[in-house]
Amino acid sequence: MKIKVICFGHLGVYLSEGIFLEIPEGSSAGDLPACLGFEPEKVAMYFIGEARVEFDHPLTEGDVVKMFPPITGG
């Protein structure tokens, strides 16, 4: 199935404009870092549309997934 992935924060250096990806049926949000060559712990949050989803959320054809790294501040 085909989805679009957009990365933010320091991950955005690689994919700020997004990339279309062909992934296997049954894939979840948490599978995406490995598909892109990232370590899973580099991604803290996943969004599909405006909704935050967990790493085990199943993906469907046409999803636009936004990935955010851990964020700190103060």
PDB file of N, CA and C in Angstrom:
ATOM      1  N   MET A   1       0.844  -1.182   0.000  1.00  0.00           N
ATOM      2  CA  MET A   1       0.000   0.000   0.000  1.00  0.00           C
ATOM      3  C   MET A   1       0.882   1.235   0.000  1.00  0.00           C
ATOM      4  N   LYS A   2       0.341   2.331  -0.460  1.00  0.00           N
ATOM      5  CA  LYS A   2       1.116   3.566  -0.587  1.00  0.00           C
ATOM      6  C   LYS A   2       0.630   4.587   0.443  1.00  0.00           C
ATOM      7  N   ILE A   3       1.595   5.191   1.163  1.00  0.00           N
ATOM      8  CA  ILE A   3       1.307   6.243   2.138  1.00  0.00           C
ATOM      9  C   ILE A   3       2.292   7.388   1.916  1.00  0.00           C
ATOM     10  N   LYS A   4       2.041   8.500   2.585  1.00  0.00           N
ATOM     11  CA  LYS A   4       2.990   9.618   2.564  1.00  0.00           C
ATOM     12  C   LYS A   4       3.488   9.833   3.985  1.00  0.00           C
ATOM     13  N   VAL A   5       4.783  10.062   4.128  1.00  0.00           N
ATOM     14  CA  VAL A   5       5.401  10.317   5.430  1.00  0.00           C
ATOM     15  C   VAL A   5       6.049  11.695   5.393  1.00  0.00           C
ATOM     16  N   ILE A   6       5.763  12.501   6.423  1.00  0.00           N
ATOM     17  CA  ILE A   6       6.380  13.823   6.579  1.00  0.00           C
ATOM     18  C   ILE A   6       7.051  13.846   7.944  1.00  0.00           C
ATOM     19  N   CYS A   7       8.295  14.287   7.998  1.00  0.00           N
ATOM     20  CA  CYS A   7       9.045  14.340   9.252  1.00  0.00           C
ATOM     21  C   CYS A   7       9.230  15.786   9.703  1.00  0.00           C
ATOM     22  N   PHE A   8       9.211  15.989  11.014  1.00  0.00           N
ATOM     23  CA  PHE A   8       9.379  17.314  11.604  1.00  0.00           C
ATOM     24  C   PHE A   8      10.563  17.314  12.563  1.00  0.00           C
ATOM     25  N   GLY A   9      10.923  18.509  13.057  1.00  0.00           N
ATOM     26  CA  GLY A   9      12.067  18.636  13.951  1.00  0.00           C
ATOM     27  C   GLY A   9      13.335  18.252  13.217  1.00  0.00           C
ATOM     28  N   HIS A  10      14.291  17.672  13.938  1.00  0.00           N
ATOM     29  CA  HIS A  10      15.551  17.316  13.275  1.00  0.00           C
ATOM     30  C   HIS A  10      15.378  16.194  12.255  1.00  0.00           C
ATOM     31  N   LEU A  11      14.296  15.419  12.342  1.00  0.00           N
ATOM     32  CA  LEU A  11      14.030  14.410  11.316  1.00  0.00           C
ATOM     33  C   LEU A  11      13.648  15.060   9.991  1.00  0.00           C
ATOM     34  N   GLY A  12      13.123  16.281  10.065  1.00  0.00           N
ATOM     35  CA  GLY A  12      12.705  17.008   8.875  1.00  0.00           C
ATOM     36  C   GLY A  12      13.846  17.368   7.944  1.00  0.00           C
ATOM     37  N   VAL A  13      15.066  17.319   8.438  1.00  0.00           N
ATOM     38  CA  VAL A  13      16.232  17.577   7.586  1.00  0.00           C
ATOM     39  C   VAL A  13      16.229  16.592   6.417  1.00  0.00           C
ATOM     40  N   TYR A  14      15.743  15.395   6.671  1.00  0.00           N
ATOM     41  CA  TYR A  14      15.749  14.357   5.649  1.00  0.00           C
ATOM     42  C   TYR A  14      14.481  14.339   4.803  1.00  0.00           C
ATOM     43  N   LEU A  15      13.338  14.592   5.436  1.00  0.00           N
ATOM     44  CA  LEU A  15      12.068  14.406   4.732  1.00  0.00           C
ATOM     45  C   LEU A  15      11.061  15.506   5.027  1.00  0.00           C
ATOM     46  N   SER A  16      11.462  16.746   5.060  1.00  0.00           N
ATOM     47  CA  SER A  16      10.540  17.826   5.415  1.00  0.00           C
ATOM     48  C   SER A  16       9.432  18.005   4.379  1.00  0.00           C
ATOM     49  N   GLU A  17       9.711  17.687   3.133  1.00  0.00           N
ATOM     50  CA  GLU A  17       8.692  17.804   2.082  1.00  0.00           C
ATOM     51  C   GLU A  17       7.831  16.555   2.008  1.00  0.00           C
ATOM     52  N   GLY A  18       8.265  15.521   2.674  1.00  0.00           N
ATOM     53  CA  GLY A  18       7.527  14.266   2.656  1.00  0.00           C
ATOM     54  C   GLY A  18       8.013  13.339   1.560  1.00  0.00           C
ATOM     55  N   ILE A  19       7.635  12.100   1.705  1.00  0.00           N
ATOM     56  CA  ILE A  19       8.011  11.071   0.742  1.00  0.00           C
ATOM     57  C   ILE A  19       6.851  10.084   0.648  1.00  0.00           C
ATOM     58  N   PHE A  20       6.602   9.611  -0.551  1.00  0.00           N
ATOM     59  CA  PHE A  20       5.619   8.545  -0.724  1.00  0.00           C
ATOM     60  C   PHE A  20       6.347   7.224  -0.563  1.00  0.00           C
ATOM     61  N   LEU A  21       5.731   6.335   0.180  1.00  0.00           N
ATOM     62  CA  LEU A  21       6.351   5.059   0.502  1.00  0.00           C
ATOM     63  C   LEU A  21       5.409   3.919   0.187  1.00  0.00           C
ATOM     64  N   GLU A  22       5.939   2.875  -0.349  1.00  0.00           N
ATOM     65  CA  GLU A  22       5.192   1.639  -0.554  1.00  0.00           C
ATOM     66  C   GLU A  22       5.546   0.727   0.618  1.00  0.00           C
ATOM     67  N   ILE A  23       4.551   0.363   1.414  1.00  0.00           N
ATOM     68  CA  ILE A  23       4.792  -0.473   2.594  1.00  0.00           C
ATOM     69  C   ILE A  23       3.881  -1.695   2.539  1.00  0.00           C
ATOM     70  N   PRO A  24       4.246  -2.760   3.254  1.00  0.00           N
ATOM     71  CA  PRO A  24       3.417  -3.971   3.241  1.00  0.00           C
ATOM     72  C   PRO A  24       2.074  -3.754   3.943  1.00  0.00           C
ATOM     73  N   GLU A  25       1.049  -4.450   3.472  1.00  0.00           N
ATOM     74  CA  GLU A  25      -0.241  -4.456   4.160  1.00  0.00           C
ATOM     75  C   GLU A  25      -0.012  -4.922   5.594  1.00  0.00           C
ATOM     76  N   GLY A  26      -0.755  -4.367   6.525  1.00  0.00           N
ATOM     77  CA  GLY A  26      -0.624  -4.749   7.929  1.00  0.00           C
ATOM     78  C   GLY A  26       0.446  -3.982   8.678  1.00  0.00           C
ATOM     79  N   SER A  27       1.110  -3.035   8.027  1.00  0.00           N
ATOM     80  CA  SER A  27       2.138  -2.232   8.702  1.00  0.00           C
ATOM     81  C   SER A  27       1.491  -1.268   9.687  1.00  0.00           C
ATOM     82  N   SER A  28       2.247  -0.916  10.712  1.00  0.00           N
ATOM     83  CA  SER A  28       1.775   0.052  11.705  1.00  0.00           C
ATOM     84  C   SER A  28       2.687   1.272  11.689  1.00  0.00           C
ATOM     85  N   ALA A  29       2.247   2.324  12.367  1.00  0.00           N
ATOM     86  CA  ALA A  29       3.037   3.558  12.433  1.00  0.00           C
ATOM     87  C   ALA A  29       4.446   3.275  12.950  1.00  0.00           C
ATOM     88  N   GLY A  30       4.564   2.410  13.935  1.00  0.00           N
ATOM     89  CA  GLY A  30       5.858   2.094  14.525  1.00  0.00           C
ATOM     90  C   GLY A  30       6.817   1.371  13.600  1.00  0.00           C
ATOM     91  N   ASP A  31       6.325   0.875  12.476  1.00  0.00           N
ATOM     92  CA  ASP A  31       7.193   0.216  11.497  1.00  0.00           C
ATOM     93  C   ASP A  31       7.921   1.219  10.603  1.00  0.00           C
ATOM     94  N   LEU A  32       7.440   2.451  10.564  1.00  0.00           N
ATOM     95  CA  LEU A  32       7.977   3.431   9.616  1.00  0.00           C
ATOM     96  C   LEU A  32       9.431   3.828   9.847  1.00  0.00           C
ATOM     97  N   PRO A  33       9.883   4.042  11.098  1.00  0.00           N
ATOM     98  CA  PRO A  33      11.295   4.425  11.252  1.00  0.00           C
ATOM     99  C   PRO A  33      12.249   3.435  10.584  1.00  0.00           C
ATOM    100  N   ALA A  34      12.009   2.152  10.764  1.00  0.00           N
ATOM    101  CA  ALA A  34      12.890   1.154  10.149  1.00  0.00           C
ATOM    102  C   ALA A  34      12.816   1.221   8.626  1.00  0.00           C
ATOM    103  N   CYS A  35      11.625   1.473   8.082  1.00  0.00           N
ATOM    104  CA  CYS A  35      11.468   1.601   6.623  1.00  0.00           C
ATOM    105  C   CYS A  35      12.290   2.766   6.082  1.00  0.00           C
ATOM    106  N   LEU A  36      12.497   3.782   6.927  1.00  0.00           N
ATOM    107  CA  LEU A  36      13.216   4.987   6.507  1.00  0.00           C
ATOM    108  C   LEU A  36      14.667   5.012   6.972  1.00  0.00           C
ATOM    109  N   GLY A  37      15.088   3.962   7.681  1.00  0.00           N
ATOM    110  CA  GLY A  37      16.464   3.896   8.154  1.00  0.00           C
ATOM    111  C   GLY A  37      16.717   4.647   9.446  1.00  0.00           C
ATOM    112  N   PHE A  38      15.644   4.983  10.192  1.00  0.00           N
ATOM    113  CA  PHE A  38      15.780   5.654  11.489  1.00  0.00           C
ATOM    114  C   PHE A  38      15.710   4.614  12.598  1.00  0.00           C
ATOM    115  N   GLU A  39      16.337   4.911  13.727  1.00  0.00           N
ATOM    116  CA  GLU A  39      16.150   4.100  14.922  1.00  0.00           C
ATOM    117  C   GLU A  39      14.782   4.456  15.496  1.00  0.00           C
ATOM    118  N   PRO A  40      13.992   3.471  15.937  1.00  0.00           N
ATOM    119  CA  PRO A  40      12.639   3.743  16.428  1.00  0.00           C
ATOM    120  C   PRO A  40      12.571   4.775  17.545  1.00  0.00           C
ATOM    121  N   GLU A  41      13.580   4.819  18.414  1.00  0.00           N
ATOM    122  CA  GLU A  41      13.542   5.775  19.534  1.00  0.00           C
ATOM    123  C   GLU A  41      13.734   7.224  19.089  1.00  0.00           C
ATOM    124  N   LYS A  42      14.071   7.438  17.840  1.00  0.00           N
ATOM    125  CA  LYS A  42      14.211   8.809  17.325  1.00  0.00           C
ATOM    126  C   LYS A  42      12.856   9.442  17.016  1.00  0.00           C
ATOM    127  N   VAL A  43      11.786   8.640  17.056  1.00  0.00           N
ATOM    128  CA  VAL A  43      10.438   9.146  16.796  1.00  0.00           C
ATOM    129  C   VAL A  43       9.618   9.018  18.074  1.00  0.00           C
ATOM    130  N   ALA A  44       9.081  10.151  18.549  1.00  0.00           N
ATOM    131  CA  ALA A  44       8.302  10.157  19.787  1.00  0.00           C
ATOM    132  C   ALA A  44       6.804  10.180  19.540  1.00  0.00           C
ATOM    133  N   MET A  45       6.370  10.813  18.444  1.00  0.00           N
ATOM    134  CA  MET A  45       4.939  10.955  18.185  1.00  0.00           C
ATOM    135  C   MET A  45       4.632  10.736  16.713  1.00  0.00           C
ATOM    136  N   TYR A  46       3.484  10.120  16.497  1.00  0.00           N
ATOM    137  CA  TYR A  46       2.962   9.899  15.150  1.00  0.00           C
ATOM    138  C   TYR A  46       1.591  10.547  15.056  1.00  0.00           C
ATOM    139  N   PHE A  47       1.320  11.199  13.936  1.00  0.00           N
ATOM    140  CA  PHE A  47       0.004  11.774  13.668  1.00  0.00           C
ATOM    141  C   PHE A  47      -0.454  11.294  12.300  1.00  0.00           C
ATOM    142  N   ILE A  48      -1.732  11.008  12.201  1.00  0.00           N
ATOM    143  CA  ILE A  48      -2.369  10.769  10.909  1.00  0.00           C
ATOM    144  C   ILE A  48      -3.445  11.828  10.804  1.00  0.00           C
ATOM    145  N   GLY A  49      -3.295  12.707   9.827  1.00  0.00           N
ATOM    146  CA  GLY A  49      -4.158  13.884   9.774  1.00  0.00           C
ATOM    147  C   GLY A  49      -3.852  14.742  10.992  1.00  0.00           C
ATOM    148  N   GLU A  50      -4.866  15.086  11.752  1.00  0.00           N
ATOM    149  CA  GLU A  50      -4.679  15.892  12.964  1.00  0.00           C
ATOM    150  C   GLU A  50      -4.703  15.046  14.230  1.00  0.00           C
ATOM    151  N   ALA A  51      -4.876  13.743  14.087  1.00  0.00           N
ATOM    152  CA  ALA A  51      -5.021  12.862  15.247  1.00  0.00           C
ATOM    153  C   ALA A  51      -3.704  12.183  15.601  1.00  0.00           C
ATOM    154  N   ARG A  52      -3.363  12.251  16.888  1.00  0.00           N
ATOM    155  CA  ARG A  52      -2.184  11.526  17.352  1.00  0.00           C
ATOM    156  C   ARG A  52      -2.536  10.048  17.439  1.00  0.00           C
ATOM    157  N   VAL A  53      -1.623   9.205  16.972  1.00  0.00           N
ATOM    158  CA  VAL A  53      -1.842   7.761  17.016  1.00  0.00           C
ATOM    159  C   VAL A  53      -0.664   7.094  17.720  1.00  0.00           C
ATOM    160  N   GLU A  54      -0.910   5.913  18.243  1.00  0.00           N
ATOM    161  CA  GLU A  54       0.132   5.138  18.912  1.00  0.00           C
ATOM    162  C   GLU A  54       0.973   4.396  17.875  1.00  0.00           C
ATOM    163  N   PHE A  55       2.125   3.917  18.310  1.00  0.00           N
ATOM    164  CA  PHE A  55       3.052   3.250  17.399  1.00  0.00           C
ATOM    165  C   PHE A  55       2.447   1.991  16.779  1.00  0.00           C
ATOM    166  N   ASP A  56       1.472   1.373  17.464  1.00  0.00           N
ATOM    167  CA  ASP A  56       0.881   0.139  16.945  1.00  0.00           C
ATOM    168  C   ASP A  56      -0.367   0.383  16.093  1.00  0.00           C
ATOM    169  N   HIS A  57      -0.649   1.651  15.783  1.00  0.00           N
ATOM    170  CA  HIS A  57      -1.818   1.995  14.972  1.00  0.00           C
ATOM    171  C   HIS A  57      -1.648   1.451  13.556  1.00  0.00           C
ATOM    172  N   PRO A  58      -2.619   0.678  13.058  1.00  0.00           N
ATOM    173  CA  PRO A  58      -2.500   0.142  11.701  1.00  0.00           C
ATOM    174  C   PRO A  58      -2.632   1.239  10.646  1.00  0.00           C
ATOM    175  N   LEU A  59      -1.818   1.152   9.627  1.00  0.00           N
ATOM    176  CA  LEU A  59      -1.847   2.129   8.537  1.00  0.00           C
ATOM    177  C   LEU A  59      -2.738   1.622   7.411  1.00  0.00           C
ATOM    178  N   THR A  60      -3.332   2.574   6.679  1.00  0.00           N
ATOM    179  CA  THR A  60      -4.176   2.219   5.547  1.00  0.00           C
ATOM    180  C   THR A  60      -3.737   3.000   4.314  1.00  0.00           C
ATOM    181  N   GLU A  61      -4.107   2.495   3.175  1.00  0.00           N
ATOM    182  CA  GLU A  61      -3.782   3.112   1.891  1.00  0.00           C
ATOM    183  C   GLU A  61      -4.123   4.599   1.911  1.00  0.00           C
ATOM    184  N   GLY A  62      -3.172   5.430   1.488  1.00  0.00           N
ATOM    185  CA  GLY A  62      -3.405   6.865   1.374  1.00  0.00           C
ATOM    186  C   GLY A  62      -3.178   7.674   2.636  1.00  0.00           C
ATOM    187  N   ASP A  63      -2.838   7.027   3.757  1.00  0.00           N
ATOM    188  CA  ASP A  63      -2.563   7.776   4.993  1.00  0.00           C
ATOM    189  C   ASP A  63      -1.431   8.772   4.773  1.00  0.00           C
ATOM    190  N   VAL A  64      -1.531   9.912   5.449  1.00  0.00           N
ATOM    191  CA  VAL A  64      -0.435  10.878   5.522  1.00  0.00           C
ATOM    192  C   VAL A  64       0.025  10.862   6.971  1.00  0.00           C
ATOM    193  N   VAL A  65       1.210  10.326   7.207  1.00  0.00           N
ATOM    194  CA  VAL A  65       1.734  10.148   8.562  1.00  0.00           C
ATOM    195  C   VAL A  65       2.781  11.213   8.836  1.00  0.00           C
ATOM    196  N   LYS A  66       2.610  11.917   9.959  1.00  0.00           N
ATOM    197  CA  LYS A  66       3.590  12.918  10.389  1.00  0.00           C
ATOM    198  C   LYS A  66       4.341  12.341  11.577  1.00  0.00           C
ATOM    199  N   MET A  67       5.680  12.423  11.524  1.00  0.00           N
ATOM    200  CA  MET A  67       6.511  11.887  12.600  1.00  0.00           C
ATOM    201  C   MET A  67       7.290  13.020  13.257  1.00  0.00           C
ATOM    202  N   PHE A  68       7.271  13.021  14.595  1.00  0.00           N
ATOM    203  CA  PHE A  68       7.965  14.040  15.378  1.00  0.00           C
ATOM    204  C   PHE A  68       8.989  13.375  16.287  1.00  0.00           C
ATOM    205  N   PRO A  69      10.182  13.973  16.413  1.00  0.00           N
ATOM    206  CA  PRO A  69      11.182  13.449  17.341  1.00  0.00           C
ATOM    207  C   PRO A  69      10.830  13.868  18.764  1.00  0.00           C
ATOM    208  N   PRO A  70      11.530  13.311  19.762  1.00  0.00           N
ATOM    209  CA  PRO A  70      11.345  13.808  21.127  1.00  0.00           C
ATOM    210  C   PRO A  70      11.658  15.304  21.172  1.00  0.00           C
ATOM    211  N   ILE A  71      10.858  16.041  21.922  1.00  0.00           N
ATOM    212  CA  ILE A  71      11.012  17.495  22.001  1.00  0.00           C
ATOM    213  C   ILE A  71      11.284  17.880  23.449  1.00  0.00           C
ATOM    214  N   THR A  72      12.266  18.740  23.651  1.00  0.00           N
ATOM    215  CA  THR A  72      12.555  19.244  24.993  1.00  0.00           C
ATOM    216  C   THR A  72      12.589  20.757  24.952  1.00  0.00           C
ATOM    217  N   GLY A  73      12.475  21.330  26.067  1.00  0.00           N
ATOM    218  CA  GLY A  73      12.521  22.787  26.134  1.00  0.00           C
ATOM    219  C   GLY A  73      12.405  23.238  27.576  1.00  0.00           C
ATOM    220  N   GLY A  74      12.364  24.507  27.733  1.00  0.00           N
ATOM    221  CA  GLY A  74      12.224  24.959  29.107  1.00  0.00           C
ATOM    222  C   GLY A  74      12.434  26.435  29.214  1.00  0.00           C
TER     223      GLY A  74
END
